[in-house]
Amino acid sequence: MNTLLHYSPKQALECLRKNPSAILIDVRSEAENKFVGRPLNCIFIPWVDEPNWEPNPKKFVTAIKRFGCKLDTEIILICRSGYRSTDAGLCLINQGFGNVAHVVSGFEGDLDEHNQRGNVNGWRHDGMPWEQC
């Protein structure tokens, strides 16, 4: 059985640079993607979003396939802090995808001692390329 790989932001970026067919998928909500920013050159496919905030694994997998992902495509998932990307990654593995990883600290990173994100780790904190539209 395949297992979900756990990458730091730097490891994820290195994999994307080494493998031009690898795909980075942002699984956060539309609001997070718009107002917080997103990694450069990522595909946006939310794991949960408005209006019901419930995962729809079938819809998610269909969207992944619509972007041309095959069962052997290297897929790297990112969310805010690593939890939703874990769930989405396990969904893909259960559907037969064999090369799935996620960014453990996510885009915004873990909470600091003041319950704020962005100060400890994460894609932005670690200096990976990102944009805000």
C-alpha atoms as a PDB file:
ATOM      1  CA  MET A   1       0.000   0.000   0.000  1.00  0.00           C
ATOM      2  CA  ASN A   2       1.181   3.532  -0.764  1.00  0.00           C
ATOM      3  CA  THR A   3       1.780   5.983   2.043  1.00  0.00           C
ATOM      4  CA  LEU A   4       1.435   9.738   2.229  1.00  0.00           C
ATOM      5  CA  LEU A   5       4.840  11.436   2.121  1.00  0.00           C
ATOM      6  CA  HIS A   6       5.541  14.354   4.464  1.00  0.00           C
ATOM      7  CA  TYR A   7       7.590  17.254   3.048  1.00  0.00           C
ATOM      8  CA  SER A   8       8.873  20.503   4.459  1.00  0.00           C
ATOM      9  CA  PRO A   9       8.214  23.514   2.212  1.00  0.00           C
ATOM     10  CA  LYS A  10      11.815  23.367   0.949  1.00  0.00           C
ATOM     11  CA  GLN A  11      11.574  19.644   0.164  1.00  0.00           C
ATOM     12  CA  ALA A  12       8.311  20.225  -1.712  1.00  0.00           C
ATOM     13  CA  LEU A  13       9.792  23.046  -3.797  1.00  0.00           C
ATOM     14  CA  GLU A  14      12.855  20.920  -4.564  1.00  0.00           C
ATOM     15  CA  CYS A  15      10.634  18.068  -5.790  1.00  0.00           C
ATOM     16  CA  LEU A  16       8.663  20.473  -7.982  1.00  0.00           C
ATOM     17  CA  ARG A  17      11.857  21.844  -9.501  1.00  0.00           C
ATOM     18  CA  LYS A  18      13.341  18.382 -10.132  1.00  0.00           C
ATOM     19  CA  ASN A  19      10.169  16.978 -11.686  1.00  0.00           C
ATOM     20  CA  PRO A  20       8.435  19.357 -14.123  1.00  0.00           C
ATOM     21  CA  SER A  21       5.423  17.039 -14.309  1.00  0.00           C
ATOM     22  CA  ALA A  22       4.874  17.184 -10.520  1.00  0.00           C
ATOM     23  CA  ILE A  23       1.846  19.204  -9.464  1.00  0.00           C
ATOM     24  CA  LEU A  24       1.338  21.386  -6.392  1.00  0.00           C
ATOM     25  CA  ILE A  25      -2.303  21.545  -5.340  1.00  0.00           C
ATOM     26  CA  ASP A  26      -3.601  24.084  -2.818  1.00  0.00           C
ATOM     27  CA  VAL A  27      -6.534  22.452  -1.002  1.00  0.00           C
ATOM     28  CA  ARG A  28      -7.491  25.469   1.143  1.00  0.00           C
ATOM     29  CA  SER A  29     -10.770  27.366   0.834  1.00  0.00           C
ATOM     30  CA  GLU A  30     -11.349  30.017  -1.793  1.00  0.00           C
ATOM     31  CA  ALA A  31     -11.261  32.766   0.864  1.00  0.00           C
ATOM     32  CA  GLU A  32      -7.872  31.594   2.179  1.00  0.00           C
ATOM     33  CA  ASN A  33      -6.509  31.374  -1.343  1.00  0.00           C
ATOM     34  CA  LYS A  34      -7.683  34.901  -2.150  1.00  0.00           C
ATOM     35  CA  PHE A  35      -6.974  36.761   1.087  1.00  0.00           C
ATOM     36  CA  VAL A  36      -3.912  34.983   2.512  1.00  0.00           C
ATOM     37  CA  GLY A  37      -2.037  34.243  -0.706  1.00  0.00           C
ATOM     38  CA  ARG A  38      -0.923  31.066  -2.408  1.00  0.00           C
ATOM     39  CA  PRO A  39       2.181  29.315  -3.677  1.00  0.00           C
ATOM     40  CA  LEU A  40       3.239  30.274  -7.186  1.00  0.00           C
ATOM     41  CA  ASN A  41       2.235  27.883  -9.956  1.00  0.00           C
ATOM     42  CA  CYS A  42      -0.150  25.864  -7.846  1.00  0.00           C
ATOM     43  CA  ILE A  43      -3.515  24.463  -8.826  1.00  0.00           C
ATOM     44  CA  PHE A  44      -6.407  25.408  -6.572  1.00  0.00           C
ATOM     45  CA  ILE A  45      -8.754  22.534  -5.686  1.00  0.00           C
ATOM     46  CA  PRO A  46     -10.375  22.985  -2.253  1.00  0.00           C
ATOM     47  CA  TRP A  47     -10.814  19.959  -0.001  1.00  0.00           C
ATOM     48  CA  VAL A  48     -13.611  21.777   1.876  1.00  0.00           C
ATOM     49  CA  ASP A  49     -15.219  25.102   1.040  1.00  0.00           C
ATOM     50  CA  GLU A  50     -18.405  27.121   1.239  1.00  0.00           C
ATOM     51  CA  PRO A  51     -21.292  26.667   1.586  1.00  0.00           C
ATOM     52  CA  ASN A  52     -21.299  23.453   3.645  1.00  0.00           C
ATOM     53  CA  TRP A  53     -17.607  23.061   4.635  1.00  0.00           C
ATOM     54  CA  GLU A  54     -17.812  19.289   4.216  1.00  0.00           C
ATOM     55  CA  PRO A  55     -15.306  17.240   2.209  1.00  0.00           C
ATOM     56  CA  ASN A  56     -16.596  15.750  -1.036  1.00  0.00           C
ATOM     57  CA  PRO A  57     -13.967  13.121  -1.916  1.00  0.00           C
ATOM     58  CA  LYS A  58     -15.623  12.148  -5.215  1.00  0.00           C
ATOM     59  CA  LYS A  59     -15.739  15.762  -6.424  1.00  0.00           C
ATOM     60  CA  PHE A  60     -12.152  16.315  -5.251  1.00  0.00           C
ATOM     61  CA  VAL A  61     -10.788  13.271  -7.102  1.00  0.00           C
ATOM     62  CA  THR A  62     -12.755  14.201 -10.234  1.00  0.00           C
ATOM     63  CA  ALA A  63     -11.209  17.691 -10.152  1.00  0.00           C
ATOM     64  CA  ILE A  64      -7.715  16.219  -9.700  1.00  0.00           C
ATOM     65  CA  LYS A  65      -8.222  13.995 -12.747  1.00  0.00           C
ATOM     66  CA  ARG A  66      -9.650  16.921 -14.753  1.00  0.00           C
ATOM     67  CA  PHE A  67      -6.280  18.650 -14.379  1.00  0.00           C
ATOM     68  CA  GLY A  68      -4.630  15.661 -16.051  1.00  0.00           C
ATOM     69  CA  CYS A  69      -3.325  13.894 -12.950  1.00  0.00           C
ATOM     70  CA  LYS A  70      -2.838  10.185 -13.473  1.00  0.00           C
ATOM     71  CA  LEU A  71      -2.426   7.573 -10.761  1.00  0.00           C
ATOM     72  CA  ASP A  72       1.371   7.886 -11.030  1.00  0.00           C
ATOM     73  CA  THR A  73       1.554  11.709 -11.191  1.00  0.00           C
ATOM     74  CA  GLU A  74       3.650  13.230  -8.418  1.00  0.00           C
ATOM     75  CA  ILE A  75       1.118  15.255  -6.432  1.00  0.00           C
ATOM     76  CA  ILE A  76       2.056  17.574  -3.569  1.00  0.00           C
ATOM     77  CA  LEU A  77      -0.778  19.022  -1.491  1.00  0.00           C
ATOM     78  CA  ILE A  78      -0.718  22.121   0.677  1.00  0.00           C
ATOM     79  CA  CYS A  79      -3.261  23.654   3.058  1.00  0.00           C
ATOM     80  CA  ARG A  80      -2.987  26.137   5.923  1.00  0.00           C
ATOM     81  CA  SER A  81      -1.167  23.945   8.427  1.00  0.00           C
ATOM     82  CA  GLY A  82      -1.066  20.354   7.149  1.00  0.00           C
ATOM     83  CA  TYR A  83      -4.311  18.834   8.410  1.00  0.00           C
ATOM     84  CA  ARG A  84      -6.606  19.163   5.401  1.00  0.00           C
ATOM     85  CA  SER A  85      -3.777  18.212   3.055  1.00  0.00           C
ATOM     86  CA  THR A  86      -3.317  15.019   5.096  1.00  0.00           C
ATOM     87  CA  ASP A  87      -6.994  14.111   4.701  1.00  0.00           C
ATOM     88  CA  ALA A  88      -6.987  14.984   0.987  1.00  0.00           C
ATOM     89  CA  GLY A  89      -3.772  13.006   0.459  1.00  0.00           C
ATOM     90  CA  LEU A  90      -5.161   9.918   2.178  1.00  0.00           C
ATOM     91  CA  CYS A  91      -8.252  10.217  -0.020  1.00  0.00           C
ATOM     92  CA  LEU A  92      -6.069  10.199  -3.154  1.00  0.00           C
ATOM     93  CA  ILE A  93      -4.062   7.224  -1.916  1.00  0.00           C
ATOM     94  CA  ASN A  94      -7.302   5.336  -1.204  1.00  0.00           C
ATOM     95  CA  GLN A  95      -8.335   6.067  -4.797  1.00  0.00           C
ATOM     96  CA  GLY A  96      -5.149   4.470  -6.162  1.00  0.00           C
ATOM     97  CA  PHE A  97      -2.843   7.468  -6.575  1.00  0.00           C
ATOM     98  CA  GLY A  98       0.653   6.242  -5.839  1.00  0.00           C
ATOM     99  CA  ASN A  99       2.874   9.302  -5.512  1.00  0.00           C
ATOM    100  CA  VAL A 100       1.223  11.708  -3.058  1.00  0.00           C
ATOM    101  CA  ALA A 101       2.871  14.040  -0.542  1.00  0.00           C
ATOM    102  CA  HIS A 102       1.825  17.028   1.514  1.00  0.00           C
ATOM    103  CA  VAL A 103       3.554  20.029   3.049  1.00  0.00           C
ATOM    104  CA  VAL A 104       3.545  19.252   6.773  1.00  0.00           C
ATOM    105  CA  SER A 105       3.620  22.860   7.990  1.00  0.00           C
ATOM    106  CA  GLY A 106       1.297  24.090   5.232  1.00  0.00           C
ATOM    107  CA  PHE A 107       1.194  27.587   3.797  1.00  0.00           C
ATOM    108  CA  GLU A 108       0.831  29.509   7.071  1.00  0.00           C
ATOM    109  CA  GLY A 109       2.568  27.139   9.484  1.00  0.00           C
ATOM    110  CA  ASP A 110       2.022  26.066  13.050  1.00  0.00           C
ATOM    111  CA  LEU A 111       0.666  28.265  15.822  1.00  0.00           C
ATOM    112  CA  ASP A 112       3.209  30.182  17.892  1.00  0.00           C
ATOM    113  CA  GLU A 113       2.967  30.852  21.633  1.00  0.00           C
ATOM    114  CA  HIS A 114       0.433  33.644  20.913  1.00  0.00           C
ATOM    115  CA  ASN A 115      -1.794  31.387  18.770  1.00  0.00           C
ATOM    116  CA  GLN A 116      -0.744  33.143  15.565  1.00  0.00           C
ATOM    117  CA  ARG A 117       0.440  31.528  12.362  1.00  0.00           C
ATOM    118  CA  GLY A 118       3.265  32.608  10.079  1.00  0.00           C
ATOM    119  CA  ASN A 119       5.919  33.050  12.748  1.00  0.00           C
ATOM    120  CA  VAL A 120       7.197  29.497  13.209  1.00  0.00           C
ATOM    121  CA  ASN A 121       7.267  27.699   9.875  1.00  0.00           C
ATOM    122  CA  GLY A 122       5.242  27.195   6.696  1.00  0.00           C
ATOM    123  CA  TRP A 123       5.577  27.975   2.996  1.00  0.00           C
ATOM    124  CA  ARG A 124       5.547  31.776   3.396  1.00  0.00           C
ATOM    125  CA  HIS A 125       7.665  31.831   6.548  1.00  0.00           C
ATOM    126  CA  ASP A 126      10.317  29.633   4.936  1.00  0.00           C
ATOM    127  CA  GLY A 127      10.635  31.996   1.960  1.00  0.00           C
ATOM    128  CA  MET A 128       9.093  29.850  -0.753  1.00  0.00           C
ATOM    129  CA  PRO A 129       7.651  31.716  -3.774  1.00  0.00           C
ATOM    130  CA  TRP A 130       4.077  32.911  -3.332  1.00  0.00           C
ATOM    131  CA  GLU A 131       1.654  35.568  -4.499  1.00  0.00           C
ATOM    132  CA  GLN A 132      -1.484  37.302  -3.363  1.00  0.00           C
ATOM    133  CA  CYS A 133      -4.015  38.159  -6.041  1.00  0.00           C
END
